[in-house]
Each structure stands twice: as structure tokens, then as C-alpha cells.
PDB file of N, CA and C in Angstrom:
ATOM      1  N   MET A   1      29.234  -8.406  11.471  1.00  0.00           N
ATOM      2  CA  MET A   1      28.092  -7.695  12.009  1.00  0.00           C
ATOM      3  C   MET A   1      27.637  -6.643  11.000  1.00  0.00           C
ATOM      4  N   ARG A   2      26.335  -6.521  10.865  1.00  0.00           N
ATOM      5  CA  ARG A   2      25.784  -5.544   9.926  1.00  0.00           C
ATOM      6  C   ARG A   2      25.918  -4.127  10.468  1.00  0.00           C
ATOM      7  N   THR A   3      25.993  -3.191   9.565  1.00  0.00           N
ATOM      8  CA  THR A   3      26.086  -1.780   9.956  1.00  0.00           C
ATOM      9  C   THR A   3      24.668  -1.188  10.063  1.00  0.00           C
ATOM     10  N   ASP A   4      24.581  -0.047  10.721  1.00  0.00           N
ATOM     11  CA  ASP A   4      23.294   0.639  10.804  1.00  0.00           C
ATOM     12  C   ASP A   4      22.807   1.029   9.411  1.00  0.00           C
ATOM     13  N   LYS A   5      23.731   1.410   8.534  1.00  0.00           N
ATOM     14  CA  LYS A   5      23.359   1.768   7.166  1.00  0.00           C
ATOM     15  C   LYS A   5      22.718   0.570   6.463  1.00  0.00           C
ATOM     16  N   GLU A   6      23.304  -0.605   6.622  1.00  0.00           N
ATOM     17  CA  GLU A   6      22.741  -1.807   6.006  1.00  0.00           C
ATOM     18  C   GLU A   6      21.339  -2.090   6.550  1.00  0.00           C
ATOM     19  N   ARG A   7      21.163  -1.912   7.833  1.00  0.00           N
ATOM     20  CA  ARG A   7      19.856  -2.144   8.443  1.00  0.00           C
ATOM     21  C   ARG A   7      18.810  -1.166   7.898  1.00  0.00           C
ATOM     22  N   LEU A   8      19.180   0.112   7.854  1.00  0.00           N
ATOM     23  CA  LEU A   8      18.245   1.111   7.347  1.00  0.00           C
ATOM     24  C   LEU A   8      17.977   0.922   5.853  1.00  0.00           C
ATOM     25  N   ASP A   9      19.002   0.568   5.103  1.00  0.00           N
ATOM     26  CA  ASP A   9      18.817   0.298   3.677  1.00  0.00           C
ATOM     27  C   ASP A   9      17.844  -0.861   3.474  1.00  0.00           C
ATOM     28  N   PHE A  10      17.942  -1.887   4.309  1.00  0.00           N
ATOM     29  CA  PHE A  10      17.035  -3.029   4.236  1.00  0.00           C
ATOM     30  C   PHE A  10      15.596  -2.583   4.490  1.00  0.00           C
ATOM     31  N   LEU A  11      15.391  -1.788   5.554  1.00  0.00           N
ATOM     32  CA  LEU A  11      14.052  -1.298   5.852  1.00  0.00           C
ATOM     33  C   LEU A  11      13.514  -0.430   4.720  1.00  0.00           C
ATOM     34  N   GLN A  12      14.390   0.380   4.105  1.00  0.00           N
ATOM     35  CA  GLN A  12      13.956   1.214   2.994  1.00  0.00           C
ATOM     36  C   GLN A  12      13.551   0.360   1.805  1.00  0.00           C
ATOM     37  N   LYS A  13      14.324  -0.685   1.518  1.00  0.00           N
ATOM     38  CA  LYS A  13      13.972  -1.579   0.408  1.00  0.00           C
ATOM     39  C   LYS A  13      12.631  -2.250   0.658  1.00  0.00           C
ATOM     40  N   MET A  14      12.372  -2.646   1.902  1.00  0.00           N
ATOM     41  CA  MET A  14      11.082  -3.244   2.248  1.00  0.00           C
ATOM     42  C   MET A  14       9.956  -2.234   2.007  1.00  0.00           C
ATOM     43  N   THR A  15      10.196  -0.984   2.375  1.00  0.00           N
ATOM     44  CA  THR A  15       9.202   0.070   2.170  1.00  0.00           C
ATOM     45  C   THR A  15       8.971   0.312   0.687  1.00  0.00           C
ATOM     46  N   ASP A  16      10.051   0.314  -0.084  1.00  0.00           N
ATOM     47  CA  ASP A  16       9.951   0.577  -1.520  1.00  0.00           C
ATOM     48  C   ASP A  16       9.147  -0.497  -2.255  1.00  0.00           C
ATOM     49  N   LEU A  17       9.023  -1.692  -1.670  1.00  0.00           N
ATOM     50  CA  LEU A  17       8.216  -2.748  -2.284  1.00  0.00           C
ATOM     51  C   LEU A  17       6.732  -2.397  -2.291  1.00  0.00           C
ATOM     52  N   LYS A  18       6.351  -1.465  -1.427  1.00  0.00           N
ATOM     53  CA  LYS A  18       4.955  -0.995  -1.339  1.00  0.00           C
ATOM     54  C   LYS A  18       3.984  -2.156  -1.186  1.00  0.00           C
ATOM     55  N   GLU A  19       4.322  -3.089  -0.314  1.00  0.00           N
ATOM     56  CA  GLU A  19       3.430  -4.224  -0.102  1.00  0.00           C
ATOM     57  C   GLU A  19       2.109  -3.781   0.514  1.00  0.00           C
ATOM     58  N   TYR A  20       2.114  -2.653   1.190  1.00  0.00           N
ATOM     59  CA  TYR A  20       0.882  -2.113   1.747  1.00  0.00           C
ATOM     60  C   TYR A  20       0.682  -0.688   1.229  1.00  0.00           C
ATOM     61  N   THR A  21       1.509   0.238   1.680  1.00  0.00           N
ATOM     62  CA  THR A  21       1.331   1.633   1.256  1.00  0.00           C
ATOM     63  C   THR A  21       2.587   2.262   0.668  1.00  0.00           C
ATOM     64  N   GLY A  22       3.752   1.778   1.077  1.00  0.00           N
ATOM     65  CA  GLY A  22       4.987   2.417   0.646  1.00  0.00           C
ATOM     66  C   GLY A  22       5.330   3.651   1.453  1.00  0.00           C
ATOM     67  N   THR A  23       4.596   3.869   2.552  1.00  0.00           N
ATOM     68  CA  THR A  23       4.913   4.979   3.445  1.00  0.00           C
ATOM     69  C   THR A  23       5.018   4.443   4.872  1.00  0.00           C
ATOM     70  N   VAL A  24       5.893   5.060   5.659  1.00  0.00           N
ATOM     71  CA  VAL A  24       6.155   4.586   7.016  1.00  0.00           C
ATOM     72  C   VAL A  24       6.073   5.725   8.019  1.00  0.00           C
ATOM     73  N   ILE A  25       5.885   5.340   9.265  1.00  0.00           N
ATOM     74  CA  ILE A  25       5.857   6.305  10.352  1.00  0.00           C
ATOM     75  C   ILE A  25       6.501   5.659  11.568  1.00  0.00           C
ATOM     76  N   LEU A  26       7.171   6.468  12.350  1.00  0.00           N
ATOM     77  CA  LEU A  26       7.675   6.042  13.653  1.00  0.00           C
ATOM     78  C   LEU A  26       6.862   6.846  14.658  1.00  0.00           C
ATOM     79  N   ARG A  27       6.172   6.149  15.544  1.00  0.00           N
ATOM     80  CA  ARG A  27       5.262   6.819  16.475  1.00  0.00           C
ATOM     81  C   ARG A  27       5.165   6.020  17.764  1.00  0.00           C
ATOM     82  N   ASP A  28       4.564   6.639  18.771  1.00  0.00           N
ATOM     83  CA  ASP A  28       4.261   5.922  20.000  1.00  0.00           C
ATOM     84  C   ASP A  28       3.109   4.962  19.732  1.00  0.00           C
ATOM     85  N   SER A  29       3.134   3.823  20.389  1.00  0.00           N
ATOM     86  CA  SER A  29       2.054   2.862  20.284  1.00  0.00           C
ATOM     87  C   SER A  29       0.763   3.463  20.811  1.00  0.00           C
ATOM     88  N   THR A  30      -0.342   3.180  20.154  1.00  0.00           N
ATOM     89  CA  THR A  30      -1.636   3.689  20.629  1.00  0.00           C
ATOM     90  C   THR A  30      -2.071   2.985  21.910  1.00  0.00           C
ATOM     91  N   THR A  31      -1.475   1.826  22.202  1.00  0.00           N
ATOM     92  CA  THR A  31      -1.822   1.091  23.421  1.00  0.00           C
ATOM     93  C   THR A  31      -0.851   1.374  24.556  1.00  0.00           C
ATOM     94  N   GLY A  32       0.149   2.244  24.284  1.00  0.00           N
ATOM     95  CA  GLY A  32       1.109   2.597  25.321  1.00  0.00           C
ATOM     96  C   GLY A  32       2.170   1.550  25.577  1.00  0.00           C
ATOM     97  N   ARG A  33       2.381   0.658  24.614  1.00  0.00           N
ATOM     98  CA  ARG A  33       3.355  -0.411  24.800  1.00  0.00           C
ATOM     99  C   ARG A  33       4.673  -0.151  24.087  1.00  0.00           C
ATOM    100  N   GLY A  34       5.036   1.090  23.897  1.00  0.00           N
ATOM    101  CA  GLY A  34       6.320   1.392  23.274  1.00  0.00           C
ATOM    102  C   GLY A  34       6.165   2.186  21.999  1.00  0.00           C
ATOM    103  N   TRP A  35       7.131   2.049  21.108  1.00  0.00           N
ATOM    104  CA  TRP A  35       7.111   2.785  19.853  1.00  0.00           C
ATOM    105  C   TRP A  35       6.979   1.802  18.701  1.00  0.00           C
ATOM    106  N   ARG A  36       6.551   2.322  17.553  1.00  0.00           N
ATOM    107  CA  ARG A  36       6.330   1.498  16.368  1.00  0.00           C
ATOM    108  C   ARG A  36       6.893   2.186  15.132  1.00  0.00           C
ATOM    109  N   LEU A  37       7.638   1.421  14.339  1.00  0.00           N
ATOM    110  CA  LEU A  37       8.037   1.851  12.996  1.00  0.00           C
ATOM    111  C   LEU A  37       7.294   0.920  12.060  1.00  0.00           C
ATOM    112  N   HIS A  38       6.358   1.454  11.306  1.00  0.00           N
ATOM    113  CA  HIS A  38       5.580   0.565  10.457  1.00  0.00           C
ATOM    114  C   HIS A  38       5.067   1.246   9.204  1.00  0.00           C
ATOM    115  N   GLU A  39       4.776   0.387   8.226  1.00  0.00           N
ATOM    116  CA  GLU A  39       4.201   0.846   6.968  1.00  0.00           C
ATOM    117  C   GLU A  39       2.724   1.126   7.217  1.00  0.00           C
ATOM    118  N   THR A  40       2.272   2.299   6.820  1.00  0.00           N
ATOM    119  CA  THR A  40       0.917   2.712   7.175  1.00  0.00           C
ATOM    120  C   THR A  40       0.391   3.795   6.247  1.00  0.00           C
ATOM    121  N   GLU A  41      -0.912   3.963   6.267  1.00  0.00           N
ATOM    122  CA  GLU A  41      -1.550   5.088   5.581  1.00  0.00           C
ATOM    123  C   GLU A  41      -1.791   6.243   6.538  1.00  0.00           C
ATOM    124  N   GLN A  42      -1.375   6.078   7.788  1.00  0.00           N
ATOM    125  CA  GLN A  42      -1.624   7.072   8.829  1.00  0.00           C
ATOM    126  C   GLN A  42      -1.086   8.440   8.420  1.00  0.00           C
ATOM    127  N   GLU A  43      -1.802   9.486   8.833  1.00  0.00           N
ATOM    128  CA  GLU A  43      -1.356  10.850   8.557  1.00  0.00           C
ATOM    129  C   GLU A  43       0.038  11.055   9.137  1.00  0.00           C
ATOM    130  N   GLY A  44       0.903  11.664   8.371  1.00  0.00           N
ATOM    131  CA  GLY A  44       2.273  11.907   8.799  1.00  0.00           C
ATOM    132  C   GLY A  44       3.259  10.873   8.282  1.00  0.00           C
ATOM    133  N   ALA A  45       2.767   9.811   7.653  1.00  0.00           N
ATOM    134  CA  ALA A  45       3.653   8.789   7.098  1.00  0.00           C
ATOM    135  C   ALA A  45       4.417   9.357   5.901  1.00  0.00           C
ATOM    136  N   VAL A  46       5.662   8.912   5.741  1.00  0.00           N
ATOM    137  CA  VAL A  46       6.528   9.397   4.661  1.00  0.00           C
ATOM    138  C   VAL A  46       7.109   8.210   3.894  1.00  0.00           C
ATOM    139  N   LYS A  47       7.673   8.477   2.727  1.00  0.00           N
ATOM    140  CA  LYS A  47       8.217   7.414   1.876  1.00  0.00           C
ATOM    141  C   LYS A  47       9.610   6.964   2.288  1.00  0.00           C
ATOM    142  N   ASP A  48      10.269   7.718   3.158  1.00  0.00           N
ATOM    143  CA  ASP A  48      11.657   7.446   3.509  1.00  0.00           C
ATOM    144  C   ASP A  48      11.784   7.054   4.981  1.00  0.00           C
ATOM    145  N   VAL A  49      12.347   5.865   5.233  1.00  0.00           N
ATOM    146  CA  VAL A  49      12.511   5.350   6.591  1.00  0.00           C
ATOM    147  C   VAL A  49      13.343   6.309   7.441  1.00  0.00           C
ATOM    148  N   ARG A  50      14.425   6.799   6.890  1.00  0.00           N
ATOM    149  CA  ARG A  50      15.292   7.706   7.645  1.00  0.00           C
ATOM    150  C   ARG A  50      14.555   8.991   8.025  1.00  0.00           C
ATOM    151  N   GLN A  51      13.738   9.491   7.113  1.00  0.00           N
ATOM    152  CA  GLN A  51      12.972  10.697   7.394  1.00  0.00           C
ATOM    153  C   GLN A  51      11.955  10.432   8.507  1.00  0.00           C
ATOM    154  N   ALA A  52      11.320   9.267   8.494  1.00  0.00           N
ATOM    155  CA  ALA A  52      10.363   8.928   9.550  1.00  0.00           C
ATOM    156  C   ALA A  52      11.050   8.916  10.914  1.00  0.00           C
ATOM    157  N   ILE A  53      12.246   8.368  10.965  1.00  0.00           N
ATOM    158  CA  ILE A  53      13.009   8.339  12.217  1.00  0.00           C
ATOM    159  C   ILE A  53      13.394   9.755  12.630  1.00  0.00           C
ATOM    160  N   ASP A  54      13.853  10.559  11.680  1.00  0.00           N
ATOM    161  CA  ASP A  54      14.240  11.944  11.978  1.00  0.00           C
ATOM    162  C   ASP A  54      13.062  12.750  12.523  1.00  0.00           C
ATOM    163  N   ILE A  55      11.902  12.582  11.926  1.00  0.00           N
ATOM    164  CA  ILE A  55      10.716  13.310  12.372  1.00  0.00           C
ATOM    165  C   ILE A  55      10.399  12.953  13.822  1.00  0.00           C
ATOM    166  N   TYR A  56      10.454  11.669  14.143  1.00  0.00           N
ATOM    167  CA  TYR A  56      10.179  11.237  15.514  1.00  0.00           C
ATOM    168  C   TYR A  56      11.235  11.771  16.482  1.00  0.00           C
ATOM    169  N   MET A  57      12.489  11.732  16.067  1.00  0.00           N
ATOM    170  CA  MET A  57      13.563  12.255  16.920  1.00  0.00           C
ATOM    171  C   MET A  57      13.371  13.744  17.187  1.00  0.00           C
ATOM    172  N   ASP A  58      13.008  14.494  16.147  1.00  0.00           N
ATOM    173  CA  ASP A  58      12.778  15.929  16.310  1.00  0.00           C
ATOM    174  C   ASP A  58      11.592  16.191  17.240  1.00  0.00           C
ATOM    175  N   LYS A  59      10.553  15.384  17.097  1.00  0.00           N
ATOM    176  CA  LYS A  59       9.362  15.536  17.929  1.00  0.00           C
ATOM    177  C   LYS A  59       9.669  15.225  19.383  1.00  0.00           C
ATOM    178  N   LEU A  60      10.382  14.126  19.610  1.00  0.00           N
ATOM    179  CA  LEU A  60      10.655  13.670  20.971  1.00  0.00           C
ATOM    180  C   LEU A  60      11.762  14.476  21.623  1.00  0.00           C
ATOM    181  N   GLY A  61      12.798  14.764  20.856  1.00  0.00           N
ATOM    182  CA  GLY A  61      13.953  15.453  21.405  1.00  0.00           C
ATOM    183  C   GLY A  61      14.899  14.449  22.072  1.00  0.00           C
ATOM    184  N   VAL A  62      16.115  14.439  21.642  1.00  0.00           N
ATOM    185  CA  VAL A  62      17.102  13.485  22.152  1.00  0.00           C
ATOM    186  C   VAL A  62      17.260  13.595  23.668  1.00  0.00           C
ATOM    187  N   GLU A  63      17.158  14.804  24.186  1.00  0.00           N
ATOM    188  CA  GLU A  63      17.343  15.000  25.622  1.00  0.00           C
ATOM    189  C   GLU A  63      16.256  14.300  26.442  1.00  0.00           C
ATOM    190  N   ASN A  64      15.136  13.959  25.809  1.00  0.00           N
ATOM    191  CA  ASN A  64      14.043  13.295  26.512  1.00  0.00           C
ATOM    192  C   ASN A  64      14.145  11.772  26.494  1.00  0.00           C
ATOM    193  N   VAL A  65      15.126  11.234  25.785  1.00  0.00           N
ATOM    194  CA  VAL A  65      15.256   9.789  25.656  1.00  0.00           C
ATOM    195  C   VAL A  65      16.016   9.197  26.818  1.00  0.00           C
ATOM    196  N   GLU A  66      17.047   9.860  27.280  1.00  0.00           N
ATOM    197  CA  GLU A  66      17.854   9.340  28.374  1.00  0.00           C
ATOM    198  C   GLU A  66      17.069   9.404  29.676  1.00  0.00           C
ATOM    199  N   ARG A  67      17.244   8.395  30.487  1.00  0.00           N
ATOM    200  CA  ARG A  67      16.503   8.343  31.762  1.00  0.00           C
ATOM    201  C   ARG A  67      17.396   8.618  32.928  1.00  0.00           C
TER     202      ARG A  67
END
């Protein structure tokens, strides 16, 4: 089984290819259908996958995730 580090490293390598922008964001879907981690030019996008996740976690707050 793959580790979380391997998964995140894979996503970072995909981002580093800069097939579109080379920057990513984790955000709520604009249609209200969940969350999205994607490569984008959107304001707030960053070059590091882990940083994008951290920013979203800080914004949302871990205490707000549990139901």
C-alpha cells in the first residue's frame, strides 16, 4: 500500500510538470458538490500541493470537519 507521502509526492510531481499553470488550490466547489484540488490560475493558487492543503485546512479549521 502506498503511503500518504508517496501520494502527495506524486501530486507534486504532476504539478511540477506545469501542464497548465504549475499552481494548485484546494477549495470548495463553485457548484457546491464538494471540494476540489486542482491546477489553476485562480487567485490563491500556490506551487506546492502540501501548502495548498495546509491553507485550506487553516481556513476551514479541523474542528469543523468532523460531523
